Protein backbone atom coordinates (compact mmCIF):
# COMPACT_ATOMS: atom_id res chain seq x y z
CA MET A 1 87.05 124.99 152.86
CA ALA A 2 84.48 127.72 153.48
CA ASP A 3 83.57 128.48 157.09
CA LEU A 4 79.85 127.73 156.91
CA GLU A 5 79.13 128.98 160.41
CA ALA A 6 80.79 132.32 159.63
CA ILE A 7 78.64 132.69 156.50
CA ARG A 8 75.54 131.75 158.48
CA ARG A 9 76.35 134.38 161.11
CA ASP A 10 76.79 136.99 158.38
CA LEU A 11 73.44 136.03 156.90
CA GLU A 12 71.83 136.30 160.33
CA ALA A 13 73.39 139.74 160.80
CA GLU A 14 72.12 140.89 157.39
CA HIS A 15 68.61 139.83 158.32
CA ALA A 16 68.88 141.63 161.65
CA ALA A 17 70.03 144.83 159.96
CA LEU A 18 67.02 144.88 157.64
CA ASP A 19 64.68 143.92 160.47
CA GLY A 20 65.92 146.98 162.33
CA VAL A 21 64.82 149.14 159.40
CA VAL A 22 61.31 147.73 158.89
CA ALA A 23 60.29 146.81 162.44
CA GLY A 24 59.28 150.35 163.37
CA LEU A 25 57.53 151.33 160.14
CA SER A 26 53.95 152.51 160.17
CA ALA A 27 51.29 150.69 158.17
CA GLU A 28 51.41 153.48 155.60
CA GLN A 29 55.17 153.16 155.23
CA TRP A 30 54.86 149.44 154.51
CA ASP A 31 53.00 150.44 151.34
CA THR A 32 55.72 152.84 150.18
CA ALA A 33 56.69 152.20 146.57
CA THR A 34 60.23 150.90 146.01
CA PRO A 35 62.38 151.40 142.89
CA ALA A 36 61.42 147.84 141.85
CA ILE A 37 58.11 148.98 140.36
CA PRO A 38 55.38 148.01 141.25
CA TRP A 39 56.67 146.44 144.47
CA THR A 40 56.17 148.12 147.82
CA ILE A 41 58.16 147.55 151.01
CA ARG A 42 55.50 145.03 152.00
CA HIS A 43 56.19 143.11 148.78
CA GLN A 44 59.94 143.13 149.31
CA ILE A 45 59.63 141.53 152.75
CA ALA A 46 57.01 139.03 151.55
CA HIS A 47 59.32 138.04 148.69
CA LEU A 48 62.17 137.38 151.13
CA ALA A 49 59.88 135.41 153.44
CA PHE A 50 58.58 133.22 150.63
CA PHE A 51 62.00 132.33 149.28
CA ASP A 52 63.45 131.84 152.77
CA ASP A 53 60.71 129.25 153.22
CA CYS A 54 61.64 127.71 149.87
CA ALA A 55 65.30 127.65 150.92
CA THR A 56 64.42 125.73 154.08
CA GLN A 57 62.49 123.17 152.06
CA ALA A 58 65.37 122.81 149.60
CA VAL A 59 67.68 121.95 152.52
CA VAL A 60 65.47 119.71 154.66
CA ASP A 61 63.28 118.18 151.94
CA PRO A 62 65.09 118.38 148.59
CA GLU A 63 62.78 115.83 146.99
CA GLY A 64 59.73 117.83 148.03
CA PHE A 65 61.33 121.02 146.74
CA GLY A 66 62.04 119.36 143.40
CA ALA A 67 58.47 118.11 143.15
CA ALA A 68 57.10 121.57 143.92
CA LEU A 69 59.42 123.06 141.31
CA ALA A 70 58.20 120.63 138.68
CA GLN A 71 54.60 121.66 139.33
CA ILE A 72 55.14 125.35 138.58
CA SER A 73 52.89 126.15 135.62
CA ASP A 74 52.55 129.91 136.00
CA LEU A 75 55.80 131.67 136.92
CA ASP A 76 54.07 135.01 137.49
CA ASP A 77 51.68 133.49 140.01
CA TYR A 78 54.52 131.59 141.68
CA VAL A 79 56.57 134.76 142.22
CA ASN A 80 53.81 137.32 142.69
CA GLY A 81 51.14 135.20 144.36
CA PRO A 82 52.79 135.56 147.80
CA LEU A 83 52.94 139.33 147.28
CA ARG A 84 49.24 139.53 146.50
CA ARG A 85 48.50 137.46 149.59
CA ALA A 86 50.63 139.84 151.65
CA ASP A 87 48.47 142.73 150.40
CA ARG A 88 45.53 141.16 152.21
CA ARG A 89 47.38 140.86 155.52
CA PRO A 90 48.37 143.51 158.06
CA PRO A 91 52.07 144.43 157.94
CA ALA A 92 52.62 142.80 161.34
CA ALA A 93 51.61 139.44 159.84
CA THR A 94 54.09 139.80 156.98
CA LEU A 95 56.85 140.78 159.40
CA ALA A 96 56.06 137.77 161.61
CA TRP A 97 56.07 135.50 158.53
CA TRP A 98 59.50 136.74 157.48
CA ARG A 99 60.93 136.39 160.98
CA GLY A 100 59.61 132.86 161.32
CA ALA A 101 60.83 131.87 157.85
CA ARG A 102 64.33 133.13 158.46
CA ASP A 103 64.55 131.47 161.89
CA LYS A 104 63.66 128.11 160.31
CA MET A 105 66.11 128.71 157.47
CA LEU A 106 69.00 129.65 159.76
CA THR A 107 68.31 126.59 161.91
CA ALA A 108 68.35 124.36 158.83
CA PHE A 109 71.59 125.94 157.65
CA ALA A 110 73.27 125.22 160.99
CA ALA A 111 73.00 121.47 160.34
CA LEU A 112 74.32 121.50 156.76
CA ASP A 113 77.01 119.07 155.67
CA PRO A 114 79.65 120.95 153.62
CA SER A 115 79.51 118.24 150.94
CA THR A 116 75.78 118.65 150.38
CA ARG A 117 74.47 119.91 147.03
CA ILE A 118 71.30 121.94 147.48
CA PRO A 119 68.72 122.07 144.68
CA TRP A 120 67.56 125.50 143.61
CA TYR A 121 66.13 127.27 140.56
CA GLY A 122 69.35 126.82 138.62
CA PRO A 123 72.09 124.23 139.11
CA PRO A 124 72.45 122.67 142.59
CA MET A 125 74.60 124.77 144.91
CA SER A 126 77.14 124.17 147.65
CA PRO A 127 76.08 125.25 151.17
CA ALA A 128 78.53 128.17 151.07
CA SER A 129 77.18 129.46 147.75
CA PHE A 130 73.59 128.85 148.82
CA MET A 131 73.90 130.84 152.04
CA SER A 132 75.83 133.58 150.25
CA ALA A 133 73.03 133.79 147.70
CA ARG A 134 70.43 134.23 150.45
CA LEU A 135 72.60 136.97 151.96
CA MET A 136 72.83 138.64 148.56
CA GLU A 137 69.04 138.52 148.20
CA THR A 138 68.50 139.92 151.69
CA TRP A 139 70.97 142.74 151.12
CA SER A 140 69.73 143.67 147.65
CA HIS A 141 66.04 143.68 148.53
CA GLY A 142 67.01 145.56 151.67
CA GLN A 143 68.56 148.17 149.39
CA ASP A 144 65.19 148.60 147.70
CA VAL A 145 63.66 149.25 151.12
CA ILE A 146 66.41 151.72 152.02
CA ASP A 147 65.96 153.56 148.71
CA ALA A 148 62.18 153.68 149.14
CA LEU A 149 62.57 155.33 152.54
CA GLY A 150 65.27 157.73 151.37
CA LEU A 151 67.72 156.39 153.96
CA ALA A 152 71.38 155.41 153.93
CA ARG A 153 72.93 152.38 155.56
CA PRO A 154 76.52 151.61 156.44
CA ALA A 155 78.34 149.19 154.16
CA THR A 156 79.88 146.20 155.95
CA ASP A 157 82.40 143.54 155.05
CA ARG A 158 79.49 141.13 154.69
CA LEU A 159 79.46 142.49 151.15
CA ARG A 160 82.38 140.21 150.31
CA HIS A 161 79.86 137.41 149.85
CA VAL A 162 77.89 139.52 147.37
CA ALA A 163 81.01 140.67 145.53
CA HIS A 164 82.32 137.13 145.18
CA LEU A 165 78.98 135.91 143.86
CA GLY A 166 78.86 138.85 141.46
CA TYR A 167 82.20 137.89 139.97
CA ARG A 168 81.43 134.16 139.84
CA ALA A 169 78.08 134.87 138.15
CA ARG A 170 79.73 136.51 135.13
CA ARG A 171 78.83 133.56 132.90
CA ASN A 172 75.26 133.64 134.22
CA SER A 173 74.98 137.31 133.22
CA TYR A 174 75.39 136.29 129.59
CA ALA A 175 73.39 133.05 129.80
CA ALA A 176 70.39 134.84 131.31
CA ARG A 177 70.17 136.85 128.10
CA GLY A 178 70.87 133.98 125.75
CA PHE A 179 74.38 135.27 124.97
CA GLU A 180 77.56 133.26 124.76
CA MET A 181 80.21 134.50 127.18
CA PRO A 182 83.30 135.76 125.33
CA GLU A 183 86.68 134.20 125.98
CA GLY A 184 88.89 135.84 128.58
CA ASP A 185 88.77 136.82 132.23
CA VAL A 186 88.14 140.13 133.97
CA ARG A 187 90.13 141.36 136.94
CA VAL A 188 87.99 142.80 139.75
CA GLU A 189 89.75 144.83 142.45
CA LEU A 190 87.54 146.36 145.11
CA THR A 191 88.09 148.49 148.18
CA SER A 192 86.23 146.91 151.07
CA PRO A 193 84.15 148.97 153.50
CA THR A 194 86.93 148.63 156.10
CA GLY A 195 89.69 149.64 153.68
CA GLY A 196 91.01 146.29 152.55
CA THR A 197 91.27 144.97 149.01
CA TRP A 198 89.17 142.19 147.53
CA ALA A 199 90.41 140.79 144.23
CA PHE A 200 88.92 138.24 141.84
CA GLY A 201 90.05 137.09 138.43
CA GLU A 202 93.14 137.79 136.36
CA SER A 203 93.52 140.09 133.37
CA ALA A 204 96.03 142.71 132.34
CA THR A 205 93.61 144.48 129.99
CA ASP A 206 90.10 144.14 131.39
CA ARG A 207 89.51 145.48 134.88
CA VAL A 208 86.75 146.67 137.18
CA THR A 209 88.01 148.68 140.15
CA GLY A 210 86.43 150.83 142.84
CA PRO A 211 84.35 150.60 146.02
CA ALA A 212 83.02 147.14 146.86
CA GLU A 213 79.61 148.55 147.70
CA ASP A 214 79.30 150.09 144.24
CA PHE A 215 80.23 146.81 142.58
CA CYS A 216 77.63 144.98 144.68
CA LEU A 217 74.97 147.55 143.78
CA VAL A 218 75.73 147.05 140.09
CA VAL A 219 75.81 143.24 140.04
CA THR A 220 72.49 143.14 141.92
CA GLN A 221 71.13 145.74 139.47
CA ARG A 222 70.38 148.27 142.20
CA ARG A 223 72.47 150.99 140.52
CA HIS A 224 73.41 151.79 136.96
CA PRO A 225 77.21 151.64 136.54
CA LEU A 226 77.28 155.31 135.54
CA ASP A 227 75.87 156.25 138.96
CA THR A 228 78.81 154.66 140.77
CA ALA A 229 82.51 155.31 141.24
CA LEU A 230 83.49 152.09 139.47
CA ARG A 231 86.23 152.31 136.87
CA VAL A 232 85.77 149.88 133.99
CA GLU A 233 88.58 149.23 131.53
CA GLY A 234 88.61 146.96 128.49
CA GLU A 235 86.00 145.66 126.09
CA LEU A 236 85.32 142.47 128.04
CA ALA A 237 84.87 144.35 131.30
CA ARG A 238 82.59 146.96 129.75
CA GLY A 239 80.45 144.34 128.02
CA TRP A 240 80.02 142.39 131.23
CA ILE A 241 79.35 145.24 133.63
CA GLU A 242 76.52 146.52 131.43
CA ILE A 243 74.62 143.25 131.94
CA ALA A 244 76.09 142.02 135.26
CA GLN A 245 73.64 139.90 137.22
CA ALA A 246 74.48 138.05 140.44
CA PHE A 247 71.03 136.52 140.87
CA ALA A 248 69.40 133.54 139.16
CA GLY A 249 66.49 133.85 136.77
CA PRO A 250 65.67 136.26 133.97
CA PRO A 251 67.40 139.64 133.81
CA GLY A 252 65.73 142.49 135.64
CA GLU A 253 65.13 145.99 134.33
CA GLY A 254 67.85 147.36 136.58
CA ARG A 255 68.11 151.08 137.23
CA ARG A 256 68.37 153.86 134.68
CA PRO A 257 71.33 156.27 134.55
CA GLY A 258 70.83 159.27 136.80
CA GLN A 259 68.13 157.61 138.88
CA PHE A 260 70.36 157.91 141.94
CA THR A 261 73.00 160.42 142.93
CA ARG A 262 76.46 159.34 141.83
CA THR A 263 78.50 158.06 144.78
């Protein structure tokens, strides 16, 4: 059984790492464009705050979350409305919103029963998968902030949560595009930031190998596979890695080849 408290601590640490990046930014820096055009750093943090609030509601009031979900009539306004509202607030207000939202979310997560199924925008999720997904979102949107500022950040073994989700979401990568997933598995072997090996899946012919951070950047669509040190072998592996998507919802535009220096 998954150690929910360990996942929660990792999520808390991921939030703290990103907070350390944005807390000291000037008002002008909050409006720096990120690679997720047309979002700015302000939008990235507002997006996290909004969905952290939604995550808390899904845990403590699943019926209310379901009712709110059923009332969505304009997806663009649902997703981008909070960003437009953030544009009318000082950066300090957006930062305070995000901090308050994550504190409530982490508190709600601390009381989760492992057998609970949490409603979300796709199928209901286990607490372990749900918290891992919030960590993945925090890390990936944090990468947009890091890229916007031209910074680097150390990779940590918290990425195991992202890597595992990336592998498990293989079917979702096809479904999000209306494709049927082909038969067969893909073996994923990754070198962790601390030098260990993380392995998922079994296949003698189709393999994805390389640094765990690169794999995580690809499955969150923050890097094009050609701008990483990943080695992809086999038709199944190549077909998947070109459309890999660890997150729910429609496919994003991703990043174009050569947009970032190859690692």
